[in-house]
């Protein structure tokens, strides 16, 4: 297992999103976490307006690394909805002018979902403060078929409520 995970990390570090091996599905079908992470980044296109170097780096990784950027790669073993899961995670810390971008990508998960990308953008405000923008996109085959749209809608509402509560608590601590 360690050798397989290491090979995935090495391929990703060498070729970026194109180096992420697809998952083999039933019936000879495949699913590409690399394409799903690219789609997640493209869905955050507004980021390009405020942090163009960071946005391009997310699309072209490992090429075009902005000065001062840092990368952390790790693997984790955890329980996801009753199933033991192994995930490979990359964290990128990317300064871009006065903005600062933190990205977390899970480019391999052994079960439960295909890929996940979270981006937090810390952007300077005109009043000298900081605006925090957060986006998360998780790709899964678990909520397809009949009722999939309803499940996604409910999941988005629950996540939005949880994030709002989390950010309100963080804001209260800062004040």
Protein backbone atom coordinates (compact mmCIF):
# COMPACT_ATOMS: atom_id res chain seq x y z
CA UNK A 1 0.00 0.00 0.00
CA UNK A 2 2.83 2.41 0.89
CA UNK A 3 4.48 1.84 -2.50
CA UNK A 4 1.20 2.50 -4.33
CA UNK A 5 0.60 5.70 -2.34
CA UNK A 6 4.18 6.84 -2.92
CA UNK A 7 3.80 6.24 -6.65
CA UNK A 8 0.64 8.39 -6.67
CA UNK A 9 2.42 11.21 -4.81
CA UNK A 10 5.43 11.06 -7.14
CA UNK A 11 3.24 11.11 -10.26
CA UNK A 12 1.25 14.08 -8.93
CA UNK A 13 4.39 16.03 -8.00
CA UNK A 14 5.88 15.35 -11.44
CA UNK A 15 2.85 15.94 -13.68
CA UNK A 16 0.29 17.73 -11.52
CA UNK A 17 -3.38 17.08 -12.19
CA UNK A 18 -2.53 15.09 -15.33
CA UNK A 19 -0.41 12.72 -13.23
CA UNK A 20 -3.26 11.62 -10.97
CA UNK A 21 -4.21 8.09 -11.94
CA UNK A 22 -7.93 7.55 -12.56
CA UNK A 23 -10.06 5.26 -10.45
CA UNK A 24 -11.26 2.06 -12.11
CA UNK A 25 -15.03 1.66 -11.78
CA UNK A 26 -17.38 -1.21 -12.53
CA UNK A 27 -18.07 -1.96 -16.18
CA UNK A 28 -14.64 -0.77 -17.33
CA UNK A 29 -15.47 2.87 -16.60
CA UNK A 30 -13.01 5.27 -14.97
CA UNK A 31 -13.22 8.46 -12.92
CA UNK A 32 -10.47 11.07 -13.02
CA UNK A 33 -9.73 12.88 -9.74
CA UNK A 34 -7.36 15.13 -11.73
CA UNK A 35 -10.19 16.31 -13.98
CA UNK A 36 -12.47 16.77 -11.00
CA UNK A 37 -9.86 18.93 -9.21
CA UNK A 38 -9.39 20.96 -12.40
CA UNK A 39 -13.17 21.48 -12.55
CA UNK A 40 -13.14 22.54 -8.88
CA UNK A 41 -10.40 25.10 -9.59
CA UNK A 42 -12.17 26.43 -12.67
CA UNK A 43 -15.32 26.84 -10.54
CA UNK A 44 -13.27 29.28 -8.43
CA UNK A 45 -12.35 31.42 -11.47
CA UNK A 46 -13.23 34.63 -9.58
CA UNK A 47 -10.08 33.94 -7.53
CA UNK A 48 -8.03 34.81 -10.63
CA UNK A 49 -9.15 38.44 -10.34
CA UNK A 50 -7.68 38.80 -6.83
CA UNK A 51 -4.83 36.27 -6.82
CA UNK A 52 -3.88 35.51 -10.46
CA UNK A 53 -0.56 33.81 -9.70
CA UNK A 54 -2.15 31.53 -7.10
CA UNK A 55 -5.03 30.64 -9.41
CA UNK A 56 -2.66 29.76 -12.26
CA UNK A 57 -0.49 27.73 -9.90
CA UNK A 58 -3.50 25.66 -8.83
CA UNK A 59 -4.21 24.89 -12.48
CA UNK A 60 -0.61 24.29 -13.59
CA UNK A 61 0.91 22.67 -10.49
CA UNK A 62 3.81 21.83 -10.20
CA UNK A 63 4.74 24.57 -12.69
CA UNK A 64 4.61 28.30 -12.05
CA UNK A 65 5.22 28.18 -8.30
CA UNK A 66 4.89 31.75 -6.92
CA UNK A 67 7.76 32.95 -4.73
CA UNK A 68 7.26 32.14 -1.07
CA UNK A 69 4.80 29.29 -1.70
CA UNK A 70 4.94 26.24 0.53
CA UNK A 71 3.68 22.72 0.03
CA UNK A 72 2.77 20.05 2.54
CA UNK A 73 1.94 16.50 1.47
CA UNK A 74 0.58 13.92 3.88
CA UNK A 75 -1.39 10.74 4.04
CA UNK A 76 -4.05 9.97 6.58
CA UNK A 77 -6.03 6.97 7.70
CA UNK A 78 -9.48 7.70 9.13
CA UNK A 79 -13.00 6.37 9.43
CA UNK A 80 -15.44 7.84 6.89
CA UNK A 81 -19.05 6.85 7.50
CA UNK A 82 -18.03 3.52 8.96
CA UNK A 83 -15.40 2.67 6.35
CA UNK A 84 -11.64 2.80 6.89
CA UNK A 85 -10.31 5.35 4.42
CA UNK A 86 -6.83 6.33 3.28
CA UNK A 87 -6.39 9.77 1.71
CA UNK A 88 -3.50 11.65 0.14
CA UNK A 89 -3.66 15.36 0.88
CA UNK A 90 -1.74 18.34 -0.42
CA UNK A 91 -1.80 21.72 1.29
CA UNK A 92 -0.53 24.73 -0.65
CA UNK A 93 0.20 28.04 1.07
CA UNK A 94 0.45 30.66 -1.67
CA UNK A 95 1.21 34.36 -1.17
CA UNK A 96 0.03 36.50 -4.09
CA UNK A 97 0.66 40.21 -3.68
CA UNK A 98 -1.37 41.33 -0.68
CA UNK A 99 -3.55 38.21 -0.87
CA UNK A 100 -2.82 34.85 0.71
CA UNK A 101 -4.33 31.61 -0.55
CA UNK A 102 -4.53 28.29 1.31
CA UNK A 103 -5.58 25.27 -0.74
CA UNK A 104 -6.16 21.73 0.42
CA UNK A 105 -6.52 19.00 -2.15
CA UNK A 106 -7.29 15.39 -1.43
CA UNK A 107 -6.13 13.86 -4.69
CA UNK A 108 -6.67 10.26 -3.64
CA UNK A 109 -9.24 8.65 -1.33
CA UNK A 110 -9.58 4.92 -1.01
CA UNK A 111 -13.34 5.00 -0.44
CA UNK A 112 -16.35 7.30 -0.08
CA UNK A 113 -15.43 10.12 -2.46
CA UNK A 114 -13.19 10.77 -5.44
CA UNK A 115 -11.43 14.05 -4.68
CA UNK A 116 -11.85 17.20 -2.60
CA UNK A 117 -10.54 20.73 -2.89
CA UNK A 118 -10.94 23.52 -0.37
CA UNK A 119 -9.65 27.02 -0.99
CA UNK A 120 -9.47 29.80 1.58
CA UNK A 121 -8.57 33.23 0.21
CA UNK A 122 -7.44 35.97 2.58
CA UNK A 123 -7.90 39.20 0.66
CA UNK A 124 -7.06 42.73 1.76
CA UNK A 125 -10.06 44.99 2.38
CA UNK A 126 -10.07 48.73 1.65
CA UNK A 127 -10.46 49.51 5.36
CA UNK A 128 -7.24 47.64 6.19
CA UNK A 129 -9.02 44.49 7.33
CA UNK A 130 -9.12 41.11 5.69
CA UNK A 131 -11.90 39.47 3.73
CA UNK A 132 -11.98 35.67 3.98
CA UNK A 133 -13.55 33.69 1.14
CA UNK A 134 -13.92 29.91 1.41
CA UNK A 135 -14.87 27.41 -1.28
CA UNK A 136 -15.07 23.64 -1.04
CA UNK A 137 -15.86 21.12 -3.71
CA UNK A 138 -16.05 17.38 -3.12
CA UNK A 139 -16.57 14.88 -5.90
CA UNK A 140 -18.34 11.63 -5.15
CA UNK A 141 -20.29 8.93 -6.91
CA UNK A 142 -22.28 8.28 -3.73
CA UNK A 143 -25.12 10.70 -4.49
CA UNK A 144 -25.96 9.97 -8.09
CA UNK A 145 -29.11 8.45 -9.52
CA UNK A 146 -32.62 8.83 -8.16
CA UNK A 147 -32.76 11.59 -5.56
CA UNK A 148 -29.15 12.66 -6.16
CA UNK A 149 -30.08 16.28 -6.81
CA UNK A 150 -32.07 16.48 -3.59
CA UNK A 151 -29.22 14.89 -1.62
CA UNK A 152 -26.71 17.38 -3.06
CA UNK A 153 -29.00 20.31 -2.31
CA UNK A 154 -29.55 19.21 1.29
CA UNK A 155 -25.84 18.53 1.75
CA UNK A 156 -24.98 22.01 0.48
CA UNK A 157 -27.46 23.65 2.87
CA UNK A 158 -26.16 21.69 5.85
CA UNK A 159 -22.54 22.48 4.97
CA UNK A 160 -23.33 26.19 4.48
CA UNK A 161 -24.99 26.32 7.90
CA UNK A 162 -22.05 24.57 9.57
CA UNK A 163 -19.54 26.88 7.85
CA UNK A 164 -21.51 29.97 8.82
CA UNK A 165 -21.50 28.87 12.46
CA UNK A 166 -17.77 28.09 12.33
CA UNK A 167 -16.88 31.49 10.81
CA UNK A 168 -19.13 33.37 13.25
CA UNK A 169 -17.34 31.66 16.17
CA UNK A 170 -13.95 32.55 14.66
CA UNK A 171 -15.06 36.18 14.16
CA UNK A 172 -16.23 36.41 17.79
CA UNK A 173 -12.85 35.12 19.01
CA UNK A 174 -10.98 37.68 16.92
CA UNK A 175 -13.08 40.56 18.27
